Amino acid sequence: MKKKIYVHVADDHKILIEGIIAVINTDKDIEIKDYSLTGQEVVDWFDKKGNKADVLILDITMPILDGFEVLRHFNKKQINQKVIILSSYDDIKIVQEMLSLGCNGYITKNNAGEHIVNAIKAVANGEQYFSEDIQKIVIKSFSGKFVLPGDSPEKSLIEALTEREIDVIRLISREYSSPEIADKLNLAVSTVDTYRKSLLKKLKVKNAVGLAMYAVKNKII
């Protein structure tokens, strides 16, 4: 029997919580484990002995304690909790701050319905998850971090990736589509798609955001 994924939902609007719960209840593998209407209720719920959830769906703007303070509390108490931010904000600085505090996913509220179930399953499985609009702004945030032409990635990375793979990951990180990459590198679109799949598997990331993060971390861009 497949293990259930238990989810706690935190938002200061009861109607939104009810909507999220309704969507989650359409999937038999996920079960709601209570909800909170303030950040303080979140902290109190997780601090109480016996209260556990595989994934926390967390709003940023909540009474008493906001989402930032909730994550800081988890870090201070060394609570290793998987968290998906569900927010109206799509500002890159807020997304980056949440990532630095340890969130595992970020979805905007206007995209919640189509993403929430997949996000829960991905994060519960140890992956990161972003809705498409957030993926786009995260990748775009790397645009100011490109190195000068001629600069090379670290030696260990050169050994891990082929020269062509490095070319492809650079262009993916700059938001080029597969047809655009194919045109620039004089490759078939199907070949570029094969490179994409190979890079995701080799670098153990799930999407273009993961590739861009890897590229920045390893000085490819």
Protein backbone atom coordinates (compact mmCIF):
# COMPACT_ATOMS: atom_id res chain seq x y z
CA MET A 1 0.00 0.00 0.00
CA LYS A 2 1.33 3.41 -1.01
CA LYS A 3 2.30 5.69 1.88
CA LYS A 4 0.05 8.71 2.38
CA ILE A 5 1.49 12.22 2.16
CA TYR A 6 0.27 14.31 5.09
CA VAL A 7 -0.10 18.05 4.52
CA HIS A 8 -0.68 21.00 6.86
CA VAL A 9 -2.09 24.17 5.27
CA ALA A 10 -1.45 27.68 6.63
CA ASP A 11 -3.16 30.81 5.30
CA ASP A 12 -5.06 33.66 6.94
CA HIS A 13 -8.03 33.24 4.58
CA LYS A 14 -10.28 30.33 5.52
CA ILE A 15 -11.92 30.31 2.08
CA LEU A 16 -8.55 29.81 0.38
CA ILE A 17 -7.70 26.98 2.78
CA GLU A 18 -11.01 25.33 1.93
CA GLY A 19 -10.23 25.67 -1.77
CA ILE A 20 -6.77 24.12 -1.36
CA ILE A 21 -8.19 21.30 0.73
CA ALA A 22 -10.84 20.63 -1.93
CA VAL A 23 -8.14 20.28 -4.61
CA ILE A 24 -5.94 18.11 -2.40
CA ASN A 25 -8.88 15.84 -1.56
CA THR A 26 -9.13 14.89 -5.23
CA ASP A 27 -5.91 12.88 -4.83
CA LYS A 28 -6.11 9.71 -2.76
CA ASP A 29 -2.37 9.78 -1.97
CA ILE A 30 -2.55 13.07 -0.05
CA GLU A 31 -4.32 13.75 3.24
CA ILE A 32 -4.82 17.01 5.12
CA LYS A 33 -3.30 17.15 8.59
CA ASP A 34 -5.07 20.18 10.07
CA TYR A 35 -4.68 23.86 9.12
CA SER A 36 -3.57 27.17 10.65
CA LEU A 37 -4.85 30.72 10.21
CA THR A 38 -1.85 32.55 11.69
CA GLY A 39 1.89 32.07 11.71
CA GLN A 40 1.76 31.61 15.47
CA GLU A 41 -0.71 28.73 15.05
CA VAL A 42 1.73 27.10 12.60
CA VAL A 43 4.59 27.35 15.07
CA ASP A 44 2.43 26.11 17.96
CA TRP A 45 1.10 23.18 15.88
CA PHE A 46 4.54 21.93 14.87
CA ASP A 47 5.96 22.51 18.36
CA LYS A 48 3.29 20.30 19.90
CA LYS A 49 4.50 16.77 20.48
CA GLY A 50 3.08 14.27 18.02
CA ASN A 51 2.11 16.84 15.38
CA LYS A 52 3.88 16.07 12.10
CA ALA A 53 3.26 16.73 8.43
CA ASP A 54 5.25 15.65 5.38
CA VAL A 55 4.66 19.01 3.69
CA LEU A 56 3.61 22.43 4.97
CA ILE A 57 1.76 24.75 2.56
CA LEU A 58 2.64 28.20 3.89
CA ASP A 59 1.41 31.70 3.04
CA ILE A 60 3.79 34.62 3.60
CA THR A 61 1.43 37.33 4.83
CA MET A 62 -0.22 36.07 8.02
CA PRO A 63 -1.09 37.62 11.41
CA ILE A 64 1.22 37.54 14.46
CA LEU A 65 4.05 35.71 12.68
CA ASP A 66 4.54 35.89 8.92
CA GLY A 67 5.97 33.19 6.67
CA PHE A 68 9.53 34.49 7.05
CA GLU A 69 9.28 34.26 10.84
CA VAL A 70 7.82 30.75 10.66
CA LEU A 71 10.79 29.52 8.60
CA ARG A 72 13.23 31.30 10.91
CA HIS A 73 11.58 29.52 13.85
CA PHE A 74 12.01 26.16 12.11
CA ASN A 75 15.69 26.93 11.48
CA LYS A 76 16.25 28.07 15.06
CA LYS A 77 14.56 24.96 16.47
CA GLN A 78 16.27 22.75 13.86
CA ILE A 79 12.91 21.53 12.60
CA ASN A 80 13.59 19.91 9.24
CA GLN A 81 10.22 20.65 7.65
CA LYS A 82 9.49 20.51 3.92
CA VAL A 83 7.70 23.73 2.96
CA ILE A 84 5.90 24.99 -0.15
CA ILE A 85 5.27 28.72 -0.20
CA LEU A 86 1.86 29.62 -1.61
CA SER A 87 1.76 33.38 -2.06
CA SER A 88 0.41 36.28 -4.10
CA TYR A 89 3.94 37.70 -4.27
CA ASP A 90 6.14 36.96 -7.29
CA ASP A 91 8.96 39.37 -6.42
CA ILE A 92 12.35 37.73 -6.97
CA LYS A 93 13.78 39.14 -3.73
CA ILE A 94 10.99 37.49 -1.73
CA VAL A 95 11.45 34.20 -3.61
CA GLN A 96 15.22 34.29 -3.00
CA GLU A 97 14.73 35.07 0.71
CA MET A 98 12.32 32.16 1.10
CA LEU A 99 14.75 29.84 -0.68
CA SER A 100 17.58 31.01 1.59
CA LEU A 101 15.38 30.21 4.61
CA GLY A 102 14.89 26.66 3.35
CA CYS A 103 11.61 26.46 1.46
CA ASN A 104 11.39 23.61 -1.04
CA GLY A 105 8.87 25.05 -3.45
CA TYR A 106 7.11 28.27 -4.41
CA ILE A 107 3.74 28.63 -6.13
CA THR A 108 1.74 31.78 -6.82
CA LYS A 109 -1.89 31.67 -5.67
CA ASN A 110 -3.29 32.30 -9.14
CA ASN A 111 -1.61 29.03 -10.24
CA ALA A 112 -2.38 26.99 -7.13
CA GLY A 113 -5.13 24.82 -8.60
CA GLU A 114 -3.05 23.38 -11.42
CA HIS A 115 0.17 22.98 -9.43
CA ILE A 116 -0.58 22.17 -5.81
CA VAL A 117 -0.92 18.37 -6.07
CA ASN A 118 2.19 17.96 -8.25
CA ALA A 119 4.10 20.33 -5.97
CA ILE A 120 3.19 18.36 -2.85
CA LYS A 121 4.25 15.07 -4.42
CA ALA A 122 7.52 16.49 -5.75
CA VAL A 123 8.51 18.17 -2.47
CA ALA A 124 7.51 15.13 -0.41
CA ASN A 125 9.85 13.16 -2.69
CA GLY A 126 12.77 15.47 -1.89
CA GLU A 127 12.55 17.64 -5.00
CA GLN A 128 12.10 21.39 -5.51
CA TYR A 129 8.99 22.70 -7.26
CA PHE A 130 8.14 26.09 -8.78
CA SER A 131 5.11 27.20 -10.78
CA GLU A 132 6.05 28.34 -14.30
CA ASP A 133 5.84 32.06 -13.51
CA ILE A 134 8.24 31.62 -10.58
CA GLN A 135 10.59 29.45 -12.66
CA LYS A 136 10.80 32.27 -15.17
CA ILE A 137 11.69 35.02 -12.69
CA VAL A 138 14.20 32.79 -10.85
CA ILE A 139 16.03 32.00 -14.09
CA LYS A 140 15.89 35.65 -15.13
CA SER A 141 17.48 36.64 -11.81
CA PHE A 142 20.66 34.91 -12.93
CA SER A 143 21.03 37.25 -15.92
CA GLY A 144 23.42 39.54 -14.04
CA LYS A 145 25.65 36.67 -12.98
CA PHE A 146 27.09 35.67 -16.37
CA VAL A 147 30.89 35.52 -16.48
CA LEU A 148 32.88 37.21 -19.22
CA PRO A 149 33.33 35.30 -22.49
CA GLY A 150 36.35 33.04 -22.29
CA ASP A 151 36.02 32.38 -18.57
CA SER A 152 35.78 28.67 -17.89
CA PRO A 153 33.82 26.59 -15.39
CA GLU A 154 35.68 24.89 -12.58
CA LYS A 155 37.89 21.98 -13.66
CA SER A 156 35.74 19.36 -11.90
CA LEU A 157 32.72 20.49 -13.90
CA ILE A 158 34.58 20.31 -17.20
CA GLU A 159 35.31 16.70 -16.37
CA ALA A 160 31.63 16.02 -15.54
CA LEU A 161 30.06 17.68 -18.60
CA THR A 162 30.95 17.67 -22.27
CA GLU A 163 31.71 20.95 -24.04
CA ARG A 164 28.39 20.75 -25.90
CA GLU A 165 26.47 20.11 -22.65
CA ILE A 166 28.07 23.22 -21.17
CA ASP A 167 26.99 25.23 -24.24
CA VAL A 168 23.41 23.95 -23.84
CA ILE A 169 23.17 24.60 -20.11
CA ARG A 170 24.46 28.15 -20.60
CA LEU A 171 21.73 28.89 -23.13
CA ILE A 172 19.01 27.21 -21.04
CA SER A 173 20.06 29.41 -18.12
CA ARG A 174 19.62 32.46 -20.35
CA GLU A 175 16.01 31.40 -21.09
CA TYR A 176 16.60 30.26 -24.67
CA SER A 177 14.00 27.81 -25.97
CA SER A 178 14.98 24.50 -27.60
CA PRO A 179 14.44 25.87 -31.15
CA GLU A 180 16.56 28.95 -30.32
CA ILE A 181 19.33 26.77 -28.87
CA ALA A 182 19.16 24.50 -31.92
CA ASP A 183 19.56 27.53 -34.20
CA LYS A 184 22.49 28.95 -32.22
CA LEU A 185 24.38 25.65 -31.97
CA ASN A 186 23.40 24.35 -35.41
CA LEU A 187 21.66 21.29 -33.96
CA ALA A 188 18.32 19.59 -34.50
CA VAL A 189 15.62 20.55 -31.97
CA SER A 190 15.28 16.86 -31.05
CA THR A 191 19.02 16.77 -30.27
CA VAL A 192 18.69 19.79 -27.97
CA ASP A 193 15.76 18.12 -26.18
CA THR A 194 17.92 15.03 -25.72
CA TYR A 195 20.64 17.21 -24.18
CA ARG A 196 18.06 18.77 -21.84
CA LYS A 197 16.88 15.38 -20.61
CA SER A 198 20.45 14.15 -20.24
CA LEU A 199 21.47 17.22 -18.21
CA LEU A 200 18.47 16.91 -15.89
CA LYS A 201 19.35 13.28 -15.23
CA LYS A 202 23.11 13.79 -14.92
CA LEU A 203 22.84 16.81 -12.59
CA LYS A 204 19.91 15.32 -10.64
CA VAL A 205 17.66 18.36 -11.02
CA LYS A 206 14.04 18.48 -12.18
CA ASN A 207 13.66 21.63 -14.26
CA ALA A 208 15.30 24.64 -15.90
CA VAL A 209 15.53 26.42 -12.53
CA GLY A 210 17.63 23.57 -11.17
CA LEU A 211 19.90 23.74 -14.23
CA ALA A 212 20.32 27.50 -13.85
CA MET A 213 21.12 27.17 -10.14
CA TYR A 214 23.70 24.49 -10.93
CA ALA A 215 25.19 26.68 -13.65
CA VAL A 216 25.61 29.65 -11.30
CA LYS A 217 26.98 27.53 -8.45
CA ASN A 218 29.59 25.94 -10.70
CA LYS A 219 30.55 29.15 -12.55
CA ILE A 220 29.23 28.08 -15.92
CA ILE A 221 27.46 31.44 -16.24
